[in-house]
Amino acid sequence: MERAKMAEESLETAAEHERILREIESTDTACIGPTLRSVYDGEEHGRFMEKLETRIRNHDREIEKMCNFHYQGFVDSITELLKVRGEAQKLKNQVTDTNRKLQHEGKELVIAMEELKQCRLQQRNISATVDKLMLCLPVLEMYSKLRDQMKTKRHYPALKTLEHLEHTYLPQVSHYRFCKVMVDNIPKPSGGNKRCFYV
């Protein structure tokens, strides 16, 4: 009877210790004080410490198993990371090299673009000059013709040329300085009246 009672108390103590251990494992550390006090208030704290040591060894074994299980994966991951770091360094060097080349070629391109811009500006200026000359050449030719006709005393054709010059050609170039010089050099009618030119 005494033995059965002791066995029953021992089972109750073991169950209580198991409950306390579960509580310690699952409870926040700030609330663990009252749980531990209940262990030390009882008479079986020596047996509880043995159970605690056993539980700690079991957890240590589980941690070790887990570490061993994941160790190779960890090593493989580190190896992959080292390879990736090497590749990343190569890629960084390539990007730096490409950037340097682009910067160099970009400067040459900017210079070429500036030269092209200057060429286009000159081309526009030349084109505008040619257009103006094409406008002025018939006037100069007509004026030269008029002078020749006056020199050879062909007065009737000279009057026709003069009329054509003052009504058709001079108004197109009246804003040029040479036009005023031409008008000033054209002989005036004998009556002293000035000719009306578009100047």
N, C-alpha and C. Protein backbone atom coordinates (compact mmCIF):
# COMPACT_ATOMS: atom_id res chain seq x y z
N MET A 1 0.82 -1.19 0.00
CA MET A 1 0.00 0.00 0.00
C MET A 1 0.87 1.26 0.00
N GLU A 2 1.88 1.19 0.84
CA GLU A 2 2.82 2.32 0.94
C GLU A 2 3.53 2.53 -0.39
N ARG A 3 3.88 1.41 -1.04
CA ARG A 3 4.57 1.47 -2.33
C ARG A 3 3.65 2.09 -3.40
N ALA A 4 2.43 1.68 -3.43
CA ALA A 4 1.47 2.19 -4.42
C ALA A 4 1.27 3.70 -4.22
N LYS A 5 1.27 4.10 -2.96
CA LYS A 5 1.09 5.52 -2.65
C LYS A 5 2.29 6.32 -3.15
N MET A 6 3.46 5.77 -2.94
CA MET A 6 4.71 6.44 -3.36
C MET A 6 4.77 6.51 -4.89
N ALA A 7 4.36 5.42 -5.52
CA ALA A 7 4.36 5.39 -6.99
C ALA A 7 3.37 6.42 -7.54
N GLU A 8 2.24 6.51 -6.87
CA GLU A 8 1.23 7.48 -7.30
C GLU A 8 1.74 8.91 -7.14
N GLU A 9 2.40 9.18 -5.97
CA GLU A 9 2.97 10.51 -5.74
C GLU A 9 4.08 10.80 -6.76
N SER A 10 4.86 9.77 -7.04
CA SER A 10 5.95 9.92 -8.01
C SER A 10 5.40 10.25 -9.39
N LEU A 11 4.29 9.57 -9.76
CA LEU A 11 3.65 9.86 -11.06
C LEU A 11 3.09 11.28 -11.08
N GLU A 12 2.49 11.67 -9.96
CA GLU A 12 1.94 13.03 -9.87
C GLU A 12 3.06 14.06 -9.96
N THR A 13 4.18 13.78 -9.28
CA THR A 13 5.33 14.71 -9.31
C THR A 13 5.90 14.79 -10.71
N ALA A 14 6.03 13.62 -11.34
CA ALA A 14 6.57 13.60 -12.72
C ALA A 14 5.66 14.38 -13.66
N ALA A 15 4.33 14.20 -13.49
CA ALA A 15 3.38 14.93 -14.34
C ALA A 15 3.47 16.43 -14.08
N GLU A 16 3.62 16.76 -12.80
CA GLU A 16 3.75 18.18 -12.43
C GLU A 16 5.03 18.79 -13.02
N HIS A 17 6.12 18.01 -12.91
CA HIS A 17 7.40 18.48 -13.46
C HIS A 17 7.30 18.66 -14.99
N GLU A 18 6.62 17.72 -15.63
CA GLU A 18 6.43 17.81 -17.09
C GLU A 18 5.63 19.06 -17.45
N ARG A 19 4.58 19.31 -16.66
CA ARG A 19 3.77 20.51 -16.90
C ARG A 19 4.61 21.78 -16.72
N ILE A 20 5.42 21.80 -15.67
CA ILE A 20 6.28 22.96 -15.41
C ILE A 20 7.28 23.16 -16.56
N LEU A 21 7.86 22.05 -17.03
CA LEU A 21 8.83 22.15 -18.13
C LEU A 21 8.16 22.70 -19.40
N ARG A 22 6.96 22.20 -19.69
CA ARG A 22 6.23 22.71 -20.86
C ARG A 22 5.93 24.20 -20.70
N GLU A 23 5.57 24.57 -19.48
CA GLU A 23 5.27 25.97 -19.21
C GLU A 23 6.52 26.84 -19.39
N ILE A 24 7.65 26.34 -18.91
CA ILE A 24 8.92 27.08 -19.06
C ILE A 24 9.27 27.24 -20.54
N GLU A 25 9.05 26.18 -21.32
CA GLU A 25 9.39 26.22 -22.74
C GLU A 25 8.48 27.15 -23.54
N SER A 26 7.24 27.27 -23.10
CA SER A 26 6.28 28.02 -23.90
C SER A 26 5.97 29.40 -23.35
N THR A 27 6.40 29.71 -22.14
CA THR A 27 6.03 30.98 -21.50
C THR A 27 7.09 32.04 -21.77
N ASP A 28 6.64 33.29 -21.76
CA ASP A 28 7.55 34.42 -21.90
C ASP A 28 8.49 34.44 -20.68
N THR A 29 9.75 34.83 -20.91
CA THR A 29 10.74 34.78 -19.82
C THR A 29 10.39 35.72 -18.67
N ALA A 30 9.62 36.76 -18.90
CA ALA A 30 9.24 37.69 -17.83
C ALA A 30 8.28 37.03 -16.84
N CYS A 31 7.54 36.01 -17.27
CA CYS A 31 6.54 35.36 -16.41
C CYS A 31 7.05 34.03 -15.83
N ILE A 32 8.30 33.73 -15.93
CA ILE A 32 8.80 32.42 -15.53
C ILE A 32 9.07 32.31 -14.02
N GLY A 33 9.15 33.48 -13.37
CA GLY A 33 9.46 33.51 -11.93
C GLY A 33 8.51 32.68 -11.07
N PRO A 34 7.20 32.92 -11.20
CA PRO A 34 6.26 32.16 -10.35
C PRO A 34 6.33 30.65 -10.62
N THR A 35 6.61 30.26 -11.84
CA THR A 35 6.69 28.84 -12.19
C THR A 35 7.88 28.20 -11.47
N LEU A 36 9.02 28.88 -11.53
CA LEU A 36 10.21 28.34 -10.86
C LEU A 36 10.04 28.32 -9.34
N ARG A 37 9.33 29.31 -8.79
CA ARG A 37 9.12 29.34 -7.35
C ARG A 37 8.35 28.10 -6.89
N SER A 38 7.38 27.67 -7.73
CA SER A 38 6.60 26.48 -7.36
C SER A 38 7.49 25.23 -7.31
N VAL A 39 8.55 25.21 -8.11
CA VAL A 39 9.49 24.07 -8.09
C VAL A 39 10.27 24.08 -6.79
N TYR A 40 10.75 25.26 -6.41
CA TYR A 40 11.59 25.34 -5.21
C TYR A 40 10.78 25.27 -3.92
N ASP A 41 9.50 25.59 -4.02
CA ASP A 41 8.64 25.45 -2.83
C ASP A 41 8.40 23.98 -2.49
N GLY A 42 8.39 23.13 -3.51
CA GLY A 42 8.18 21.69 -3.30
C GLY A 42 9.46 21.02 -2.81
N GLU A 43 9.35 19.74 -2.54
CA GLU A 43 10.50 19.00 -2.02
C GLU A 43 11.25 18.24 -3.10
N GLU A 44 10.76 18.29 -4.30
CA GLU A 44 11.32 17.46 -5.37
C GLU A 44 12.14 18.28 -6.37
N HIS A 45 12.74 19.39 -5.91
CA HIS A 45 13.43 20.22 -6.88
C HIS A 45 14.69 19.54 -7.43
N GLY A 46 15.30 18.62 -6.70
CA GLY A 46 16.46 17.85 -7.18
C GLY A 46 16.06 17.01 -8.39
N ARG A 47 14.91 16.30 -8.27
CA ARG A 47 14.43 15.47 -9.38
C ARG A 47 14.02 16.34 -10.57
N PHE A 48 13.46 17.53 -10.26
CA PHE A 48 13.10 18.45 -11.34
C PHE A 48 14.35 18.87 -12.11
N MET A 49 15.44 19.16 -11.38
CA MET A 49 16.68 19.58 -12.03
C MET A 49 17.21 18.47 -12.94
N GLU A 50 17.07 17.21 -12.51
CA GLU A 50 17.51 16.08 -13.35
C GLU A 50 16.67 16.05 -14.64
N LYS A 51 15.35 16.22 -14.45
CA LYS A 51 14.47 16.22 -15.63
C LYS A 51 14.80 17.38 -16.57
N LEU A 52 15.11 18.53 -15.95
CA LEU A 52 15.47 19.70 -16.74
C LEU A 52 16.75 19.44 -17.53
N GLU A 53 17.74 18.83 -16.86
CA GLU A 53 19.01 18.49 -17.54
C GLU A 53 18.75 17.54 -18.71
N THR A 54 17.90 16.54 -18.47
CA THR A 54 17.57 15.58 -19.53
C THR A 54 16.90 16.30 -20.70
N ARG A 55 15.96 17.21 -20.38
CA ARG A 55 15.26 17.94 -21.43
C ARG A 55 16.24 18.81 -22.23
N ILE A 56 17.18 19.43 -21.51
CA ILE A 56 18.18 20.29 -22.18
C ILE A 56 19.05 19.44 -23.11
N ARG A 57 19.47 18.25 -22.65
CA ARG A 57 20.29 17.36 -23.50
C ARG A 57 19.51 16.94 -24.75
N ASN A 58 18.20 16.63 -24.55
CA ASN A 58 17.37 16.26 -25.71
C ASN A 58 17.29 17.39 -26.73
N HIS A 59 17.08 18.60 -26.23
CA HIS A 59 17.02 19.76 -27.13
C HIS A 59 18.36 19.98 -27.83
N ASP A 60 19.45 19.80 -27.08
CA ASP A 60 20.78 19.95 -27.68
C ASP A 60 20.98 18.95 -28.81
N ARG A 61 20.52 17.71 -28.58
CA ARG A 61 20.65 16.68 -29.63
C ARG A 61 19.81 17.04 -30.86
N GLU A 62 18.61 17.53 -30.62
CA GLU A 62 17.76 17.94 -31.74
C GLU A 62 18.39 19.09 -32.53
N ILE A 63 18.95 20.04 -31.79
CA ILE A 63 19.62 21.18 -32.45
C ILE A 63 20.80 20.67 -33.26
N GLU A 64 21.57 19.78 -32.69
CA GLU A 64 22.74 19.24 -33.39
C GLU A 64 22.31 18.49 -34.65
N LYS A 65 21.22 17.66 -34.51
CA LYS A 65 20.71 16.94 -35.69
C LYS A 65 20.30 17.92 -36.79
N MET A 66 19.57 18.96 -36.37
CA MET A 66 19.09 19.93 -37.34
C MET A 66 20.27 20.65 -38.01
N CYS A 67 21.28 20.99 -37.19
CA CYS A 67 22.46 21.66 -37.74
C CYS A 67 23.18 20.74 -38.72
N ASN A 68 23.33 19.46 -38.34
CA ASN A 68 24.00 18.51 -39.23
C ASN A 68 23.21 18.33 -40.53
N PHE A 69 21.87 18.30 -40.39
CA PHE A 69 21.02 18.13 -41.56
C PHE A 69 21.17 19.30 -42.53
N HIS A 70 21.24 20.51 -41.96
CA HIS A 70 21.29 21.71 -42.80
C HIS A 70 22.72 22.17 -43.09
N TYR A 71 23.72 21.54 -42.49
CA TYR A 71 25.10 22.01 -42.64
C TYR A 71 25.55 22.00 -44.10
N GLN A 72 25.31 20.88 -44.81
CA GLN A 72 25.78 20.77 -46.20
C GLN A 72 25.10 21.83 -47.08
N GLY A 73 23.80 22.03 -46.82
CA GLY A 73 23.09 23.06 -47.57
C GLY A 73 23.66 24.44 -47.30
N PHE A 74 24.04 24.67 -46.03
CA PHE A 74 24.64 25.95 -45.65
C PHE A 74 25.98 26.14 -46.36
N VAL A 75 26.79 25.07 -46.36
CA VAL A 75 28.10 25.14 -47.02
C VAL A 75 27.91 25.38 -48.52
N ASP A 76 26.95 24.65 -49.13
CA ASP A 76 26.67 24.84 -50.56
C ASP A 76 26.23 26.28 -50.84
N SER A 77 25.40 26.81 -49.96
CA SER A 77 24.92 28.19 -50.14
C SER A 77 26.08 29.18 -50.06
N ILE A 78 26.99 28.96 -49.11
CA ILE A 78 28.15 29.85 -48.97
C ILE A 78 29.01 29.77 -50.24
N THR A 79 29.22 28.52 -50.73
CA THR A 79 30.01 28.34 -51.95
C THR A 79 29.35 29.08 -53.13
N GLU A 80 28.03 28.93 -53.25
CA GLU A 80 27.31 29.63 -54.33
C GLU A 80 27.44 31.14 -54.18
N LEU A 81 27.33 31.61 -52.93
CA LEU A 81 27.46 33.04 -52.69
C LEU A 81 28.84 33.55 -53.09
N LEU A 82 29.88 32.75 -52.78
CA LEU A 82 31.24 33.15 -53.16
C LEU A 82 31.38 33.19 -54.68
N LYS A 83 30.76 32.20 -55.36
CA LYS A 83 30.79 32.21 -56.83
C LYS A 83 30.06 33.44 -57.37
N VAL A 84 28.88 33.71 -56.78
CA VAL A 84 28.09 34.86 -57.22
C VAL A 84 28.88 36.16 -56.98
N ARG A 85 29.60 36.22 -55.85
CA ARG A 85 30.39 37.42 -55.58
C ARG A 85 31.47 37.60 -56.64
N GLY A 86 32.12 36.49 -57.01
CA GLY A 86 33.15 36.56 -58.06
C GLY A 86 32.54 37.02 -59.39
N GLU A 87 31.37 36.43 -59.74
CA GLU A 87 30.70 36.81 -60.98
C GLU A 87 30.24 38.27 -60.93
N ALA A 88 29.75 38.68 -59.74
CA ALA A 88 29.29 40.07 -59.58
C ALA A 88 30.47 41.03 -59.77
N GLN A 89 31.65 40.65 -59.26
CA GLN A 89 32.83 41.50 -59.42
C GLN A 89 33.23 41.60 -60.89
N LYS A 90 33.17 40.43 -61.60
CA LYS A 90 33.47 40.45 -63.05
C LYS A 90 32.49 41.36 -63.77
N LEU A 91 31.20 41.21 -63.43
CA LEU A 91 30.16 42.02 -64.07
C LEU A 91 30.38 43.51 -63.79
N LYS A 92 30.75 43.83 -62.55
CA LYS A 92 31.02 45.21 -62.17
C LYS A 92 32.18 45.77 -62.99
N ASN A 93 33.23 44.96 -63.16
CA ASN A 93 34.38 45.39 -63.95
C ASN A 93 33.98 45.62 -65.41
N GLN A 94 33.15 44.70 -65.94
CA GLN A 94 32.69 44.85 -67.33
C GLN A 94 31.86 46.13 -67.49
N VAL A 95 30.96 46.37 -66.53
CA VAL A 95 30.11 47.56 -66.58
C VAL A 95 30.98 48.82 -66.51
N THR A 96 31.98 48.82 -65.63
CA THR A 96 32.88 49.97 -65.49
C THR A 96 33.63 50.20 -66.79
N ASP A 97 34.14 49.10 -67.38
CA ASP A 97 34.89 49.20 -68.63
C ASP A 97 33.99 49.72 -69.75
N THR A 98 32.77 49.16 -69.85
CA THR A 98 31.82 49.60 -70.88
C THR A 98 31.47 51.07 -70.69
N ASN A 99 31.26 51.48 -69.45
CA ASN A 99 30.94 52.88 -69.16
C ASN A 99 32.08 53.80 -69.59
N ARG A 100 33.33 53.39 -69.30
CA ARG A 100 34.48 54.19 -69.69
C ARG A 100 34.55 54.33 -71.22
N LYS A 101 34.34 53.21 -71.92
CA LYS A 101 34.36 53.25 -73.39
C LYS A 101 33.25 54.15 -73.93
N LEU A 102 32.04 54.01 -73.34
CA LEU A 102 30.91 54.83 -73.79
C LEU A 102 31.18 56.31 -73.56
N GLN A 103 31.79 56.63 -72.40
CA GLN A 103 32.12 58.03 -72.10
C GLN A 103 33.09 58.57 -73.15
N HIS A 104 34.13 57.74 -73.48
CA HIS A 104 35.13 58.17 -74.46
C HIS A 104 34.50 58.36 -75.84
N GLU A 105 33.72 57.35 -76.27
CA GLU A 105 33.09 57.42 -77.58
C GLU A 105 32.01 58.51 -77.60
N GLY A 106 31.37 58.72 -76.46
CA GLY A 106 30.36 59.76 -76.36
C GLY A 106 30.96 61.15 -76.59
N LYS A 107 32.20 61.37 -76.06
CA LYS A 107 32.87 62.66 -76.27
C LYS A 107 33.13 62.87 -77.76
N GLU A 108 33.63 61.80 -78.42
CA GLU A 108 33.89 61.89 -79.85
C GLU A 108 32.59 62.17 -80.62
N LEU A 109 31.51 61.53 -80.19
CA LEU A 109 30.22 61.74 -80.85
C LEU A 109 29.74 63.18 -80.67
N VAL A 110 29.93 63.73 -79.46
CA VAL A 110 29.53 65.12 -79.19
C VAL A 110 30.32 66.07 -80.09
N ILE A 111 31.64 65.80 -80.23
CA ILE A 111 32.48 66.65 -81.09
C ILE A 111 32.00 66.55 -82.54
N ALA A 112 31.74 65.29 -82.99
CA ALA A 112 31.25 65.10 -84.36
C ALA A 112 29.91 65.80 -84.57
N MET A 113 29.03 65.73 -83.58
CA MET A 113 27.71 66.39 -83.68
C MET A 113 27.87 67.91 -83.77
N GLU A 114 28.83 68.45 -83.00
CA GLU A 114 29.08 69.90 -83.04
C GLU A 114 29.61 70.30 -84.42
N GLU A 115 30.52 69.46 -84.96
CA GLU A 115 31.05 69.75 -86.30
C GLU A 115 29.93 69.67 -87.35
N LEU A 116 29.06 68.66 -87.21
CA LEU A 116 27.94 68.52 -88.13
C LEU A 116 27.01 69.73 -88.05
N LYS A 117 26.79 70.19 -86.83
CA LYS A 117 25.93 71.37 -86.62
C LYS A 117 26.53 72.59 -87.33
N GLN A 118 27.86 72.77 -87.17
CA GLN A 118 28.53 73.88 -87.83
C GLN A 118 28.44 73.76 -89.36
N CYS A 119 28.64 72.50 -89.86
CA CYS A 119 28.55 72.26 -91.31
C CYS A 119 27.15 72.59 -91.83
N ARG A 120 26.13 72.20 -91.09
CA ARG A 120 24.75 72.47 -91.52
C ARG A 120 24.47 73.97 -91.53
N LEU A 121 25.02 74.66 -90.51
CA LEU A 121 24.84 76.11 -90.44
C LEU A 121 25.52 76.77 -91.65
N GLN A 122 26.74 76.33 -91.96
CA GLN A 122 27.45 76.86 -93.13
C GLN A 122 26.68 76.54 -94.42
N GLN A 123 26.16 75.31 -94.48
CA GLN A 123 25.41 74.89 -95.66
C GLN A 123 24.18 75.78 -95.85
N ARG A 124 23.47 76.07 -94.73
CA ARG A 124 22.30 76.95 -94.80
C ARG A 124 22.70 78.36 -95.26
N ASN A 125 23.83 78.84 -94.71
CA ASN A 125 24.31 80.18 -95.08
C ASN A 125 24.68 80.23 -96.56
N ILE A 126 25.37 79.18 -97.02
CA ILE A 126 25.77 79.11 -98.44
C ILE A 126 24.53 79.06 -99.33
N SER A 127 23.56 78.23 -98.92
CA SER A 127 22.33 78.10 -99.69
C SER A 127 21.59 79.43 -99.76
N ALA A 128 21.51 80.13 -98.61
CA ALA A 128 20.83 81.43 -98.58
C ALA A 128 21.58 82.43 -99.47
N THR A 129 22.93 82.38 -99.43
CA THR A 129 23.74 83.29 -100.25
C THR A 129 23.51 83.01 -101.74
N VAL A 130 23.49 81.72 -102.11
CA VAL A 130 23.25 81.35 -103.51
C VAL A 130 21.88 81.85 -103.95
N ASP A 131 20.87 81.69 -103.08
CA ASP A 131 19.52 82.18 -103.42
C ASP A 131 19.53 83.69 -103.67
N LYS A 132 20.23 84.42 -102.80
CA LYS A 132 20.28 85.88 -102.94
C LYS A 132 21.03 86.26 -104.23
N LEU A 133 22.14 85.54 -104.50
CA LEU A 133 22.90 85.82 -105.72
C LEU A 133 22.06 85.54 -106.97
N MET A 134 21.30 84.45 -106.92
CA MET A 134 20.43 84.11 -108.05
C MET A 134 19.39 85.20 -108.28
N LEU A 135 19.00 85.87 -107.20
CA LEU A 135 18.05 86.97 -107.31
C LEU A 135 18.73 88.22 -107.87
N CYS A 136 20.01 88.42 -107.47
CA CYS A 136 20.74 89.63 -107.86
C CYS A 136 21.34 89.54 -109.26
N LEU A 137 21.73 88.35 -109.69
CA LEU A 137 22.41 88.20 -110.99
C LEU A 137 21.61 88.75 -112.16
N PRO A 138 20.32 88.44 -112.29
CA PRO A 138 19.56 89.02 -113.42
C PRO A 138 19.55 90.54 -113.40
N VAL A 139 19.53 91.15 -112.19
CA VAL A 139 19.54 92.61 -112.08
C VAL A 139 20.86 93.15 -112.61
N LEU A 140 21.96 92.50 -112.17
CA LEU A 140 23.28 92.95 -112.61
C LEU A 140 23.45 92.76 -114.12
N GLU A 141 22.96 91.64 -114.63
CA GLU A 141 23.04 91.39 -116.08
C GLU A 141 22.24 92.45 -116.85
N MET A 142 21.04 92.76 -116.34
CA MET A 142 20.19 93.76 -116.99
C MET A 142 20.85 95.14 -116.93
N TYR A 143 21.47 95.47 -115.82
CA TYR A 143 22.15 96.77 -115.67
C TYR A 143 23.34 96.84 -116.63
N SER A 144 24.08 95.72 -116.73
CA SER A 144 25.22 95.66 -117.65
C SER A 144 24.75 95.85 -119.10
N LYS A 145 23.64 95.22 -119.43
CA LYS A 145 23.05 95.32 -120.77
C LYS A 145 22.66 96.78 -121.06
N LEU A 146 22.05 97.43 -120.05
CA LEU A 146 21.65 98.83 -120.18
C LEU A 146 22.86 99.71 -120.45
N ARG A 147 23.93 99.51 -119.77
CA ARG A 147 25.16 100.32 -119.92
C ARG A 147 25.74 100.12 -121.31
N ASP A 148 25.74 98.85 -121.75
CA ASP A 148 26.25 98.57 -123.10
C ASP A 148 25.40 99.29 -124.17
N GLN A 149 24.07 99.22 -123.99
CA GLN A 149 23.16 99.85 -124.96
C GLN A 149 23.34 101.38 -124.97
N MET A 150 23.58 101.95 -123.81
CA MET A 150 23.76 103.39 -123.72
C MET A 150 25.11 103.78 -124.34
N LYS A 151 26.12 102.96 -124.10
CA LYS A 151 27.46 103.22 -124.65
C LYS A 151 27.44 103.18 -126.18
N THR A 152 26.67 102.23 -126.72
CA THR A 152 26.60 102.09 -128.19
C THR A 152 25.51 102.98 -128.79
N LYS A 153 24.91 103.82 -127.98
CA LYS A 153 23.90 104.79 -128.38
C LYS A 153 22.67 104.15 -129.02
N ARG A 154 22.31 103.01 -128.51
CA ARG A 154 21.06 102.35 -128.94
C ARG A 154 20.00 102.75 -127.93
N HIS A 155 19.45 103.92 -128.13
CA HIS A 155 18.60 104.54 -127.11
C HIS A 155 17.24 103.86 -126.94
N TYR A 156 16.64 103.46 -128.02
CA TYR A 156 15.32 102.83 -127.88
C TYR A 156 15.43 101.52 -127.09
N PRO A 157 16.34 100.55 -127.46
CA PRO A 157 16.46 99.35 -126.64
C PRO A 157 16.89 99.67 -125.21
N ALA A 158 17.68 100.74 -125.04
CA ALA A 158 18.12 101.13 -123.69
C ALA A 158 16.93 101.55 -122.84
N LEU A 159 15.98 102.31 -123.48
CA LEU A 159 14.78 102.72 -122.73
C LEU A 159 13.93 101.52 -122.34
N LYS A 160 13.82 100.57 -123.26
CA LYS A 160 13.04 99.34 -122.96
C LYS A 160 13.71 98.57 -121.81
N THR A 161 15.04 98.46 -121.89
CA THR A 161 15.78 97.74 -120.84
C THR A 161 15.64 98.47 -119.51
N LEU A 162 15.73 99.79 -119.55
CA LEU A 162 15.59 100.60 -118.33
C LEU A 162 14.21 100.41 -117.71
N GLU A 163 13.19 100.43 -118.56
CA GLU A 163 11.82 100.23 -118.06
C GLU A 163 11.68 98.85 -117.42
N HIS A 164 12.22 97.88 -118.11
CA HIS A 164 12.19 96.51 -117.58
C HIS A 164 12.96 96.41 -116.25
N LEU A 165 14.08 97.08 -116.19
CA LEU A 165 14.94 97.07 -114.99
C LEU A 165 14.21 97.72 -113.82
N GLU A 166 13.64 98.92 -114.05
CA GLU A 166 13.03 99.64 -112.92
C GLU A 166 11.70 99.05 -112.48
N HIS A 167 10.96 98.36 -113.35
CA HIS A 167 9.66 97.82 -112.95
C HIS A 167 9.71 96.36 -112.51
N THR A 168 10.66 95.60 -113.05
CA THR A 168 10.68 94.17 -112.76
C THR A 168 11.81 93.76 -111.82
N TYR A 169 13.03 94.22 -112.13
CA TYR A 169 14.19 93.68 -111.41
C TYR A 169 14.58 94.46 -110.15
N LEU A 170 14.63 95.77 -110.27
CA LEU A 170 15.05 96.57 -109.11
C LEU A 170 14.14 96.42 -107.87
N PRO A 171 12.83 96.34 -108.04
CA PRO A 171 11.99 96.18 -106.83
C PRO A 171 12.32 94.90 -106.03
N GLN A 172 12.83 93.88 -106.72
CA GLN A 172 13.16 92.62 -106.01
C GLN A 172 14.39 92.75 -105.13
N VAL A 173 15.28 93.70 -105.47
CA VAL A 173 16.54 93.82 -104.72
C VAL A 173 16.73 95.22 -104.15
N SER A 174 15.63 95.93 -103.97
CA SER A 174 15.73 97.33 -103.56
C SER A 174 16.35 97.50 -102.17
N HIS A 175 16.37 96.47 -101.34
CA HIS A 175 16.91 96.60 -99.98
C HIS A 175 18.44 96.44 -99.94
N TYR A 176 19.05 96.11 -101.08
CA TYR A 176 20.52 95.98 -101.11
C TYR A 176 21.16 97.33 -101.44
N ARG A 177 22.35 97.55 -100.87
CA ARG A 177 23.04 98.82 -101.05
C ARG A 177 23.46 99.04 -102.52
N PHE A 178 23.85 97.96 -103.19
CA PHE A 178 24.30 98.11 -104.59
C PHE A 178 23.15 98.63 -105.48
N CYS A 179 21.92 98.38 -105.06
CA CYS A 179 20.76 98.83 -105.82
C CYS A 179 20.69 100.36 -105.83
N LYS A 180 20.96 100.98 -104.68
CA LYS A 180 20.96 102.45 -104.59
C LYS A 180 22.06 103.02 -105.46
N VAL A 181 23.23 102.35 -105.46
CA VAL A 181 24.35 102.81 -106.29
C VAL A 181 23.94 102.76 -107.77
N MET A 182 23.28 101.67 -108.16
CA MET A 182 22.81 101.53 -109.55
C MET A 182 21.86 102.65 -109.92
N VAL A 183 20.89 102.89 -109.06
CA VAL A 183 19.88 103.92 -109.32
C VAL A 183 20.55 105.28 -109.47
N ASP A 184 21.53 105.56 -108.59
CA ASP A 184 22.24 106.85 -108.66
C ASP A 184 23.03 106.98 -109.96
N ASN A 185 23.49 105.85 -110.52
CA ASN A 185 24.31 105.87 -111.73
C ASN A 185 23.49 105.84 -113.02
N ILE A 186 22.21 105.56 -112.92
CA ILE A 186 21.36 105.56 -114.13
C ILE A 186 21.13 107.01 -114.52
N PRO A 187 21.37 107.36 -115.81
CA PRO A 187 21.19 108.76 -116.22
C PRO A 187 19.74 109.22 -116.07
N LYS A 188 19.61 110.49 -115.67
CA LYS A 188 18.28 111.04 -115.48
C LYS A 188 17.79 111.60 -116.81
N PRO A 189 16.47 111.71 -116.98
CA PRO A 189 15.94 112.28 -118.21
C PRO A 189 16.41 113.73 -118.38
N SER A 190 16.45 114.18 -119.62
CA SER A 190 17.00 115.50 -119.92
C SER A 190 16.20 116.63 -119.28
N GLY A 191 14.95 116.42 -118.92
CA GLY A 191 14.13 117.45 -118.30
C GLY A 191 14.52 117.71 -116.86
N GLY A 192 15.38 116.95 -116.30
CA GLY A 192 15.79 117.14 -114.90
C GLY A 192 14.91 116.43 -113.92
N ASN A 193 13.79 115.81 -114.43
CA ASN A 193 12.92 115.08 -113.51
C ASN A 193 13.58 113.75 -113.14
N LYS A 194 13.48 113.43 -111.88
CA LYS A 194 14.06 112.15 -111.42
C LYS A 194 13.16 111.01 -111.80
N ARG A 195 13.78 109.90 -112.15
CA ARG A 195 13.01 108.68 -112.42
C ARG A 195 12.51 108.12 -111.10
N CYS A 196 11.37 107.49 -111.11
CA CYS A 196 10.85 106.86 -109.89
C CYS A 196 11.28 105.39 -109.86
N PHE A 197 12.14 105.05 -108.96
CA PHE A 197 12.60 103.65 -108.79
C PHE A 197 12.12 103.11 -107.47
N TYR A 198 11.99 101.81 -107.43
CA TYR A 198 11.53 101.18 -106.18
C TYR A 198 12.73 100.98 -105.28
N VAL A 199 13.17 102.04 -104.66
CA VAL A 199 14.30 101.94 -103.76
C VAL A 199 13.92 102.56 -102.42
